[in-house]
N, C-alpha and C. Protein backbone atom coordinates (compact mmCIF):
# COMPACT_ATOMS: atom_id res chain seq x y z
N UNK A 1 39.75 13.01 27.17
CA UNK A 1 38.72 13.36 26.23
C UNK A 1 39.18 13.11 24.80
N UNK A 2 40.41 13.53 24.52
CA UNK A 2 40.97 13.35 23.19
C UNK A 2 41.18 11.87 22.89
N UNK A 3 41.62 11.11 23.89
CA UNK A 3 41.83 9.67 23.73
C UNK A 3 40.52 8.96 23.44
N UNK A 4 39.45 9.38 24.12
CA UNK A 4 38.14 8.77 23.90
C UNK A 4 37.68 9.00 22.46
N UNK A 5 37.89 10.21 21.96
CA UNK A 5 37.51 10.53 20.58
C UNK A 5 38.30 9.68 19.59
N UNK A 6 39.59 9.50 19.84
CA UNK A 6 40.42 8.66 18.96
C UNK A 6 39.94 7.21 18.97
N UNK A 7 39.57 6.71 20.15
CA UNK A 7 39.06 5.34 20.26
C UNK A 7 37.75 5.20 19.47
N UNK A 8 36.87 6.18 19.61
CA UNK A 8 35.59 6.16 18.90
C UNK A 8 35.82 6.20 17.39
N UNK A 9 36.72 7.06 16.93
CA UNK A 9 37.04 7.14 15.50
C UNK A 9 37.62 5.83 15.00
N UNK A 10 38.49 5.21 15.79
CA UNK A 10 39.08 3.94 15.38
C UNK A 10 38.02 2.85 15.29
N UNK A 11 37.10 2.82 16.26
CA UNK A 11 36.02 1.83 16.23
C UNK A 11 35.11 2.04 15.02
N UNK A 12 34.78 3.29 14.74
CA UNK A 12 33.94 3.59 13.56
C UNK A 12 34.62 3.15 12.28
N UNK A 13 35.92 3.38 12.19
CA UNK A 13 36.66 2.96 10.99
C UNK A 13 36.65 1.45 10.85
N UNK A 14 36.80 0.74 11.96
CA UNK A 14 36.78 -0.73 11.91
C UNK A 14 35.40 -1.25 11.50
N UNK A 15 34.36 -0.63 12.02
CA UNK A 15 32.99 -1.05 11.68
C UNK A 15 32.72 -0.83 10.20
N UNK A 16 33.11 0.31 9.68
CA UNK A 16 32.92 0.59 8.26
C UNK A 16 33.69 -0.39 7.40
N UNK A 17 34.89 -0.70 7.81
CA UNK A 17 35.72 -1.63 7.05
C UNK A 17 35.11 -3.03 7.06
N UNK A 18 34.59 -3.43 8.21
CA UNK A 18 33.98 -4.75 8.33
C UNK A 18 32.69 -4.84 7.50
N UNK A 19 31.89 -3.79 7.54
CA UNK A 19 30.66 -3.76 6.74
C UNK A 19 30.97 -3.80 5.25
N UNK A 20 31.99 -3.11 4.84
CA UNK A 20 32.36 -3.08 3.43
C UNK A 20 32.79 -4.46 2.96
N UNK A 21 33.48 -5.20 3.82
CA UNK A 21 33.94 -6.53 3.41
C UNK A 21 32.78 -7.53 3.35
N UNK A 22 31.74 -7.31 4.13
CA UNK A 22 30.60 -8.23 4.11
C UNK A 22 29.48 -7.74 3.19
N UNK A 23 29.75 -6.72 2.42
CA UNK A 23 28.79 -6.17 1.43
C UNK A 23 27.48 -5.73 2.07
N UNK A 24 27.54 -5.22 3.28
CA UNK A 24 26.33 -4.75 3.92
C UNK A 24 26.14 -3.25 3.77
N UNK A 25 27.13 -2.58 3.19
CA UNK A 25 26.97 -1.15 2.96
C UNK A 25 25.94 -0.92 1.87
N UNK A 26 25.19 0.11 2.02
CA UNK A 26 24.17 0.45 1.04
C UNK A 26 24.85 0.98 -0.21
N UNK A 27 24.43 0.48 -1.36
CA UNK A 27 25.04 0.94 -2.60
C UNK A 27 24.69 2.40 -2.87
N UNK A 28 25.45 3.00 -3.76
CA UNK A 28 25.22 4.40 -4.08
C UNK A 28 23.84 4.62 -4.67
N UNK A 29 23.37 3.66 -5.48
CA UNK A 29 22.03 3.78 -6.06
C UNK A 29 20.96 3.76 -4.98
N UNK A 30 21.11 2.86 -4.02
CA UNK A 30 20.14 2.79 -2.94
C UNK A 30 20.15 4.05 -2.10
N UNK A 31 21.33 4.62 -1.88
CA UNK A 31 21.41 5.87 -1.15
C UNK A 31 20.72 6.99 -1.91
N UNK A 32 20.97 7.05 -3.21
CA UNK A 32 20.34 8.09 -4.03
C UNK A 32 18.83 7.92 -4.02
N UNK A 33 18.38 6.67 -4.11
CA UNK A 33 16.95 6.39 -4.09
C UNK A 33 16.34 6.80 -2.76
N UNK A 34 17.01 6.48 -1.67
CA UNK A 34 16.53 6.85 -0.35
C UNK A 34 16.47 8.36 -0.18
N UNK A 35 17.50 9.05 -0.70
CA UNK A 35 17.52 10.51 -0.61
C UNK A 35 16.39 11.12 -1.44
N UNK A 36 16.13 10.53 -2.61
CA UNK A 36 15.05 11.03 -3.46
C UNK A 36 13.70 10.83 -2.78
N UNK A 37 13.49 9.65 -2.20
CA UNK A 37 12.24 9.40 -1.49
C UNK A 37 12.08 10.37 -0.33
N UNK A 38 13.15 10.62 0.37
CA UNK A 38 13.10 11.53 1.51
C UNK A 38 12.76 12.94 1.05
N UNK A 39 13.37 13.38 -0.04
CA UNK A 39 13.09 14.74 -0.53
C UNK A 39 11.67 14.84 -1.05
N UNK A 40 11.18 13.76 -1.65
CA UNK A 40 9.79 13.77 -2.13
C UNK A 40 8.84 13.85 -0.96
N UNK A 41 9.09 13.03 0.08
CA UNK A 41 8.19 13.06 1.24
C UNK A 41 8.28 14.40 1.97
N UNK A 42 9.45 15.03 1.96
CA UNK A 42 9.58 16.34 2.58
C UNK A 42 8.78 17.40 1.81
N UNK A 43 8.77 17.28 0.48
CA UNK A 43 8.10 18.27 -0.35
C UNK A 43 6.66 17.90 -0.67
N UNK A 44 6.19 16.76 -0.19
CA UNK A 44 4.87 16.27 -0.57
C UNK A 44 3.78 16.90 0.28
N UNK A 45 3.55 18.16 0.08
CA UNK A 45 2.47 18.81 0.80
C UNK A 45 1.18 18.75 0.01
N UNK A 46 1.30 18.54 -1.30
CA UNK A 46 0.12 18.40 -2.13
C UNK A 46 0.08 16.99 -2.71
N UNK A 47 -1.07 16.59 -3.11
CA UNK A 47 -1.25 15.26 -3.67
C UNK A 47 -0.74 15.22 -5.10
N UNK A 48 -0.08 14.12 -5.44
CA UNK A 48 0.42 13.97 -6.81
C UNK A 48 -0.77 13.80 -7.76
N UNK A 49 -0.70 14.38 -8.94
CA UNK A 49 -1.81 14.22 -9.89
C UNK A 49 -1.87 12.78 -10.39
N UNK A 50 -3.08 12.31 -10.64
CA UNK A 50 -3.27 10.95 -11.14
C UNK A 50 -2.91 10.91 -12.61
N UNK A 51 -2.10 9.94 -12.98
CA UNK A 51 -1.65 9.83 -14.36
C UNK A 51 -1.93 8.43 -14.86
N UNK A 52 -2.56 8.34 -16.02
CA UNK A 52 -2.83 7.05 -16.63
C UNK A 52 -1.88 6.87 -17.79
N UNK A 53 -1.13 5.81 -17.76
CA UNK A 53 -0.31 5.50 -18.93
C UNK A 53 -1.23 4.84 -19.94
N UNK A 54 -1.08 5.19 -21.17
CA UNK A 54 -2.00 4.76 -22.21
C UNK A 54 -1.96 3.24 -22.40
N UNK A 55 -2.79 2.58 -21.65
CA UNK A 55 -3.04 1.15 -21.80
C UNK A 55 -1.77 0.35 -22.08
N UNK A 56 -0.89 0.35 -21.11
CA UNK A 56 0.33 -0.44 -21.22
C UNK A 56 -0.03 -1.92 -21.27
N UNK A 57 0.83 -2.70 -21.90
CA UNK A 57 0.59 -4.13 -21.88
C UNK A 57 0.88 -4.64 -20.48
N UNK A 58 0.05 -5.53 -19.99
CA UNK A 58 0.26 -6.00 -18.62
C UNK A 58 1.54 -6.79 -18.49
N UNK A 59 2.24 -6.60 -17.37
CA UNK A 59 3.50 -7.28 -17.15
C UNK A 59 3.29 -8.62 -16.47
N UNK A 60 2.13 -8.79 -15.86
CA UNK A 60 1.87 -10.07 -15.22
C UNK A 60 1.03 -10.94 -16.14
N UNK A 61 0.58 -12.07 -15.63
CA UNK A 61 -0.14 -13.03 -16.46
C UNK A 61 -1.64 -12.74 -16.56
N UNK A 62 -2.10 -11.67 -15.93
CA UNK A 62 -3.51 -11.35 -15.95
C UNK A 62 -3.93 -10.88 -17.34
N UNK A 63 -5.16 -11.22 -17.72
CA UNK A 63 -5.64 -10.83 -19.04
C UNK A 63 -5.74 -9.31 -19.12
N UNK A 64 -5.54 -8.80 -20.31
CA UNK A 64 -5.52 -7.35 -20.51
C UNK A 64 -6.86 -6.70 -20.16
N UNK A 65 -7.95 -7.41 -20.39
CA UNK A 65 -9.26 -6.84 -20.09
C UNK A 65 -9.38 -6.53 -18.60
N UNK A 66 -8.79 -7.36 -17.75
CA UNK A 66 -8.80 -7.10 -16.30
C UNK A 66 -7.97 -5.86 -15.98
N UNK A 67 -6.81 -5.78 -16.56
CA UNK A 67 -5.92 -4.65 -16.29
C UNK A 67 -6.57 -3.34 -16.70
N UNK A 68 -7.18 -3.31 -17.86
CA UNK A 68 -7.82 -2.08 -18.34
C UNK A 68 -9.05 -1.72 -17.51
N UNK A 69 -9.80 -2.72 -17.10
CA UNK A 69 -10.97 -2.46 -16.26
C UNK A 69 -10.53 -1.91 -14.90
N UNK A 70 -9.44 -2.43 -14.37
CA UNK A 70 -8.92 -1.93 -13.10
C UNK A 70 -8.43 -0.49 -13.22
N UNK A 71 -7.76 -0.18 -14.33
CA UNK A 71 -7.29 1.20 -14.54
C UNK A 71 -8.48 2.15 -14.66
N UNK A 72 -9.52 1.70 -15.34
CA UNK A 72 -10.73 2.51 -15.47
C UNK A 72 -11.34 2.77 -14.09
N UNK A 73 -11.44 1.74 -13.30
CA UNK A 73 -12.01 1.88 -11.96
C UNK A 73 -11.15 2.80 -11.09
N UNK A 74 -9.84 2.64 -11.16
CA UNK A 74 -8.93 3.52 -10.40
C UNK A 74 -9.14 4.97 -10.79
N UNK A 75 -9.23 5.21 -12.09
CA UNK A 75 -9.40 6.57 -12.56
C UNK A 75 -10.71 7.16 -12.04
N UNK A 76 -11.77 6.36 -12.07
CA UNK A 76 -13.07 6.83 -11.59
C UNK A 76 -13.00 7.16 -10.10
N UNK A 77 -12.31 6.32 -9.33
CA UNK A 77 -12.16 6.60 -7.90
C UNK A 77 -11.42 7.92 -7.68
N UNK A 78 -10.41 8.19 -8.47
CA UNK A 78 -9.64 9.42 -8.30
C UNK A 78 -10.45 10.65 -8.67
N UNK A 79 -11.15 10.61 -9.79
CA UNK A 79 -11.87 11.82 -10.20
C UNK A 79 -13.10 12.08 -9.32
N UNK A 80 -13.69 11.03 -8.77
CA UNK A 80 -14.86 11.28 -7.93
C UNK A 80 -14.47 11.88 -6.58
N UNK A 81 -13.23 11.68 -6.16
CA UNK A 81 -12.76 12.33 -4.93
C UNK A 81 -12.75 13.85 -5.09
N UNK A 82 -12.48 14.30 -6.29
CA UNK A 82 -12.34 15.73 -6.54
C UNK A 82 -13.64 16.37 -7.02
N UNK A 83 -14.69 15.57 -7.16
CA UNK A 83 -15.96 16.08 -7.67
C UNK A 83 -16.73 16.80 -6.56
N UNK A 84 -17.70 17.61 -6.95
CA UNK A 84 -18.49 18.35 -5.95
C UNK A 84 -19.21 17.39 -5.00
N UNK A 85 -19.28 17.79 -3.73
CA UNK A 85 -19.85 16.94 -2.69
C UNK A 85 -21.34 16.66 -2.95
N UNK A 86 -22.05 17.59 -3.52
CA UNK A 86 -23.49 17.40 -3.70
C UNK A 86 -23.83 16.25 -4.66
N UNK A 87 -22.85 15.79 -5.46
CA UNK A 87 -23.11 14.69 -6.39
C UNK A 87 -22.57 13.35 -5.89
N UNK A 88 -21.85 13.37 -4.77
CA UNK A 88 -21.14 12.16 -4.35
C UNK A 88 -22.05 11.02 -3.94
N UNK A 89 -23.26 11.29 -3.50
CA UNK A 89 -24.11 10.21 -2.99
C UNK A 89 -25.18 9.80 -3.99
N UNK A 90 -25.14 10.31 -5.19
CA UNK A 90 -26.11 9.86 -6.18
C UNK A 90 -25.41 9.36 -7.43
N UNK A 91 -25.18 10.20 -8.39
CA UNK A 91 -24.63 9.74 -9.68
C UNK A 91 -23.19 9.24 -9.53
N UNK A 92 -22.41 9.87 -8.70
CA UNK A 92 -21.01 9.44 -8.54
C UNK A 92 -20.90 8.11 -7.82
N UNK A 93 -21.78 7.86 -6.86
CA UNK A 93 -21.75 6.56 -6.19
C UNK A 93 -22.14 5.45 -7.17
N UNK A 94 -23.07 5.74 -8.04
CA UNK A 94 -23.43 4.75 -9.08
C UNK A 94 -22.25 4.52 -10.03
N UNK A 95 -21.57 5.58 -10.37
CA UNK A 95 -20.38 5.48 -11.23
C UNK A 95 -19.33 4.58 -10.56
N UNK A 96 -19.07 4.81 -9.30
CA UNK A 96 -18.09 4.00 -8.56
C UNK A 96 -18.53 2.54 -8.46
N UNK A 97 -19.76 2.33 -8.04
CA UNK A 97 -20.25 0.97 -7.85
C UNK A 97 -20.27 0.18 -9.16
N UNK A 98 -20.65 0.83 -10.23
CA UNK A 98 -20.69 0.14 -11.52
C UNK A 98 -19.29 -0.22 -11.99
N UNK A 99 -18.33 0.64 -11.73
CA UNK A 99 -16.96 0.31 -12.14
C UNK A 99 -16.44 -0.91 -11.37
N UNK A 100 -16.82 -1.04 -10.12
CA UNK A 100 -16.43 -2.21 -9.34
C UNK A 100 -17.22 -3.44 -9.80
N UNK A 101 -18.49 -3.26 -10.15
CA UNK A 101 -19.30 -4.38 -10.66
C UNK A 101 -18.71 -4.97 -11.94
N UNK A 102 -18.14 -4.13 -12.77
CA UNK A 102 -17.52 -4.61 -14.01
C UNK A 102 -16.38 -5.57 -13.68
N UNK A 103 -15.53 -5.15 -12.77
CA UNK A 103 -14.38 -6.00 -12.39
C UNK A 103 -14.88 -7.29 -11.76
N UNK A 104 -15.89 -7.20 -10.91
CA UNK A 104 -16.44 -8.40 -10.28
C UNK A 104 -17.00 -9.36 -11.33
N UNK A 105 -17.74 -8.84 -12.28
CA UNK A 105 -18.30 -9.70 -13.33
C UNK A 105 -17.20 -10.35 -14.16
N UNK A 106 -16.15 -9.61 -14.45
CA UNK A 106 -15.04 -10.17 -15.22
C UNK A 106 -14.36 -11.32 -14.47
N UNK A 107 -14.14 -11.11 -13.19
CA UNK A 107 -13.52 -12.18 -12.40
C UNK A 107 -14.42 -13.41 -12.30
N UNK A 108 -15.71 -13.18 -12.11
CA UNK A 108 -16.64 -14.32 -12.05
C UNK A 108 -16.69 -15.05 -13.38
N UNK A 109 -16.65 -14.31 -14.46
CA UNK A 109 -16.64 -14.94 -15.79
C UNK A 109 -15.39 -15.77 -15.99
N UNK A 110 -14.28 -15.30 -15.45
CA UNK A 110 -13.02 -16.00 -15.62
C UNK A 110 -13.02 -17.36 -14.92
N UNK A 111 -13.81 -17.50 -13.87
CA UNK A 111 -13.84 -18.76 -13.13
C UNK A 111 -14.96 -19.70 -13.57
N UNK A 112 -15.72 -19.30 -14.54
CA UNK A 112 -16.81 -20.15 -15.05
C UNK A 112 -16.44 -20.73 -16.41
N UNK A 113 -17.25 -21.67 -16.86
CA UNK A 113 -17.06 -22.29 -18.17
C UNK A 113 -18.37 -22.22 -18.95
N UNK A 114 -18.28 -22.25 -20.26
CA UNK A 114 -19.45 -22.37 -21.14
C UNK A 114 -20.46 -21.26 -21.00
N UNK A 115 -21.72 -21.67 -20.83
CA UNK A 115 -22.82 -20.71 -20.78
C UNK A 115 -22.74 -19.79 -19.56
N UNK A 116 -22.28 -20.31 -18.44
CA UNK A 116 -22.16 -19.47 -17.24
C UNK A 116 -21.15 -18.34 -17.47
N UNK A 117 -20.08 -18.64 -18.17
CA UNK A 117 -19.09 -17.61 -18.48
C UNK A 117 -19.72 -16.53 -19.36
N UNK A 118 -20.50 -16.97 -20.36
CA UNK A 118 -21.15 -15.99 -21.25
C UNK A 118 -22.12 -15.10 -20.48
N UNK A 119 -22.80 -15.66 -19.48
CA UNK A 119 -23.73 -14.87 -18.67
C UNK A 119 -22.98 -13.76 -17.94
N UNK A 120 -21.84 -14.09 -17.31
CA UNK A 120 -21.08 -13.09 -16.58
C UNK A 120 -20.44 -12.08 -17.52
N UNK A 121 -20.01 -12.53 -18.68
CA UNK A 121 -19.46 -11.60 -19.67
C UNK A 121 -20.53 -10.62 -20.13
N UNK A 122 -21.75 -11.12 -20.30
CA UNK A 122 -22.87 -10.25 -20.69
C UNK A 122 -23.16 -9.23 -19.59
N UNK A 123 -23.10 -9.66 -18.34
CA UNK A 123 -23.32 -8.72 -17.23
C UNK A 123 -22.24 -7.64 -17.21
N UNK A 124 -21.02 -8.02 -17.51
CA UNK A 124 -19.93 -7.04 -17.56
C UNK A 124 -20.18 -6.04 -18.69
N UNK A 125 -20.65 -6.52 -19.84
CA UNK A 125 -20.92 -5.63 -20.98
C UNK A 125 -22.07 -4.67 -20.64
N UNK A 126 -23.09 -5.17 -19.96
CA UNK A 126 -24.20 -4.31 -19.55
C UNK A 126 -23.70 -3.25 -18.57
N UNK A 127 -22.87 -3.67 -17.64
CA UNK A 127 -22.32 -2.71 -16.67
C UNK A 127 -21.47 -1.64 -17.37
N UNK A 128 -20.74 -2.04 -18.42
CA UNK A 128 -19.96 -1.06 -19.18
C UNK A 128 -20.87 -0.04 -19.85
N UNK A 129 -21.99 -0.50 -20.41
CA UNK A 129 -22.95 0.42 -21.04
C UNK A 129 -23.55 1.36 -19.99
N UNK A 130 -23.88 0.82 -18.81
CA UNK A 130 -24.40 1.66 -17.74
C UNK A 130 -23.37 2.69 -17.28
N UNK A 131 -22.13 2.25 -17.19
CA UNK A 131 -21.05 3.16 -16.79
C UNK A 131 -20.94 4.32 -17.78
N UNK A 132 -21.07 4.02 -19.05
CA UNK A 132 -21.03 5.05 -20.08
C UNK A 132 -22.17 6.05 -19.86
N UNK A 133 -23.35 5.52 -19.57
CA UNK A 133 -24.51 6.38 -19.31
C UNK A 133 -24.28 7.25 -18.08
N UNK A 134 -23.78 6.65 -17.00
CA UNK A 134 -23.55 7.40 -15.77
C UNK A 134 -22.48 8.49 -15.97
N UNK A 135 -21.46 8.18 -16.74
CA UNK A 135 -20.43 9.18 -17.01
C UNK A 135 -20.99 10.34 -17.81
N UNK A 136 -21.82 10.02 -18.78
CA UNK A 136 -22.44 11.08 -19.59
C UNK A 136 -23.36 11.94 -18.73
N UNK A 137 -24.13 11.31 -17.85
CA UNK A 137 -25.02 12.05 -16.95
C UNK A 137 -24.21 12.91 -15.98
N UNK A 138 -23.13 12.35 -15.45
CA UNK A 138 -22.28 13.12 -14.54
C UNK A 138 -21.69 14.33 -15.25
N UNK A 139 -21.34 14.19 -16.50
CA UNK A 139 -20.82 15.32 -17.28
C UNK A 139 -21.92 16.36 -17.47
N UNK A 140 -23.12 15.91 -17.79
CA UNK A 140 -24.24 16.83 -18.00
C UNK A 140 -24.53 17.63 -16.73
N UNK A 141 -24.44 16.96 -15.59
CA UNK A 141 -24.69 17.63 -14.31
C UNK A 141 -23.46 18.37 -13.78
N UNK A 142 -22.39 18.36 -14.55
CA UNK A 142 -21.12 19.02 -14.22
C UNK A 142 -20.48 18.47 -12.95
N UNK A 143 -20.68 17.16 -12.73
CA UNK A 143 -20.00 16.49 -11.62
C UNK A 143 -18.58 16.11 -12.03
N UNK A 144 -18.38 15.89 -13.34
CA UNK A 144 -17.05 15.63 -13.88
C UNK A 144 -16.86 16.54 -15.09
N UNK A 145 -15.62 16.73 -15.48
CA UNK A 145 -15.34 17.63 -16.61
C UNK A 145 -15.46 16.87 -17.93
N UNK A 146 -15.46 17.63 -19.01
CA UNK A 146 -15.53 17.03 -20.33
C UNK A 146 -14.31 16.15 -20.60
N UNK A 147 -13.16 16.63 -20.18
CA UNK A 147 -11.93 15.86 -20.39
C UNK A 147 -11.99 14.54 -19.64
N UNK A 148 -12.47 14.56 -18.40
CA UNK A 148 -12.59 13.32 -17.63
C UNK A 148 -13.57 12.35 -18.29
N UNK A 149 -14.68 12.90 -18.79
CA UNK A 149 -15.65 12.04 -19.46
C UNK A 149 -15.06 11.42 -20.73
N UNK A 150 -14.25 12.19 -21.45
CA UNK A 150 -13.63 11.66 -22.67
C UNK A 150 -12.67 10.53 -22.34
N UNK A 151 -11.90 10.70 -21.27
CA UNK A 151 -10.97 9.64 -20.87
C UNK A 151 -11.74 8.39 -20.47
N UNK A 152 -12.81 8.57 -19.71
CA UNK A 152 -13.63 7.42 -19.30
C UNK A 152 -14.22 6.74 -20.52
N UNK A 153 -14.75 7.52 -21.47
CA UNK A 153 -15.36 6.95 -22.67
C UNK A 153 -14.33 6.16 -23.49
N UNK A 154 -13.12 6.69 -23.59
CA UNK A 154 -12.06 5.99 -24.34
C UNK A 154 -11.71 4.67 -23.66
N UNK A 155 -11.62 4.70 -22.35
CA UNK A 155 -11.28 3.48 -21.61
C UNK A 155 -12.42 2.46 -21.69
N UNK A 156 -13.65 2.93 -21.60
CA UNK A 156 -14.80 2.03 -21.73
C UNK A 156 -14.77 1.36 -23.09
N UNK A 157 -14.50 2.13 -24.12
CA UNK A 157 -14.43 1.59 -25.47
C UNK A 157 -13.37 0.50 -25.58
N UNK A 158 -12.21 0.75 -24.98
CA UNK A 158 -11.12 -0.22 -25.02
C UNK A 158 -11.50 -1.51 -24.29
N UNK A 159 -12.12 -1.38 -23.11
CA UNK A 159 -12.53 -2.56 -22.35
C UNK A 159 -13.61 -3.32 -23.12
N UNK A 160 -14.53 -2.60 -23.77
CA UNK A 160 -15.58 -3.26 -24.56
C UNK A 160 -14.98 -4.07 -25.71
N UNK A 161 -13.99 -3.52 -26.38
CA UNK A 161 -13.34 -4.25 -27.48
C UNK A 161 -12.73 -5.54 -26.97
N UNK A 162 -12.01 -5.43 -25.86
CA UNK A 162 -11.35 -6.62 -25.30
C UNK A 162 -12.37 -7.65 -24.82
N UNK A 163 -13.41 -7.16 -24.18
CA UNK A 163 -14.45 -8.07 -23.69
C UNK A 163 -15.17 -8.74 -24.86
N UNK A 164 -15.42 -8.00 -25.93
CA UNK A 164 -16.05 -8.60 -27.12
C UNK A 164 -15.18 -9.70 -27.71
N UNK A 165 -13.88 -9.47 -27.75
CA UNK A 165 -12.96 -10.50 -28.23
C UNK A 165 -12.99 -11.73 -27.35
N UNK A 166 -13.06 -11.53 -26.04
CA UNK A 166 -13.12 -12.65 -25.11
C UNK A 166 -14.42 -13.43 -25.29
N UNK A 167 -15.53 -12.71 -25.50
CA UNK A 167 -16.81 -13.37 -25.75
C UNK A 167 -16.75 -14.20 -27.01
N UNK A 168 -16.14 -13.65 -28.08
CA UNK A 168 -16.01 -14.40 -29.34
C UNK A 168 -15.24 -15.69 -29.14
N UNK A 169 -14.11 -15.60 -28.44
CA UNK A 169 -13.32 -16.82 -28.24
C UNK A 169 -14.06 -17.82 -27.34
N UNK A 170 -14.84 -17.33 -26.40
CA UNK A 170 -15.62 -18.22 -25.55
C UNK A 170 -16.66 -18.95 -26.38
N UNK A 171 -17.31 -18.23 -27.28
CA UNK A 171 -18.33 -18.85 -28.15
C UNK A 171 -17.68 -19.86 -29.10
N UNK A 172 -16.50 -19.54 -29.61
CA UNK A 172 -15.81 -20.47 -30.52
C UNK A 172 -15.39 -21.75 -29.80
N UNK A 173 -14.94 -21.62 -28.57
CA UNK A 173 -14.54 -22.81 -27.81
C UNK A 173 -15.74 -23.67 -27.45
N UNK A 174 -16.87 -23.01 -27.28
CA UNK A 174 -18.11 -23.72 -26.89
C UNK A 174 -18.61 -24.59 -28.04
N UNK A 175 -18.43 -24.14 -29.28
CA UNK A 175 -18.96 -24.87 -30.44
C UNK A 175 -18.18 -26.10 -30.78
């Protein structure tokens, strides 16, 4: 029995030594990261709160107007999950659908040229105005809080500014 244990210990030592020489051992940072993820998943009995970083510059090549519109849509999806059920199939569904329509119009505008691009940009601007109206109505009906409506309004304003700039450059290129 004792001999078997010694053989097992010797084999384990050889395996560790061999792994260390081939750099297959997990680094200390990876171990710490794995332990942190494990502790988070162990303690994750409640949902993490949704956090919006204040309009970070995009790290990829996508235009900023797309990134901000996506963040707006994500935020709307998160807050409507927590809204009262009695509003989910009327004003909140319009809020969700309009936020997705904005992104769709932006993507369609990106793939068009000239007048067709301006048409899709105009549709996106109209959808932004409708989204503002739906958010205000949802606040009035107490489907969302005042703070949520303020965040949505701020994000809508930011997307409108960027979209207006894109429209201006499109018109300048057209002339």
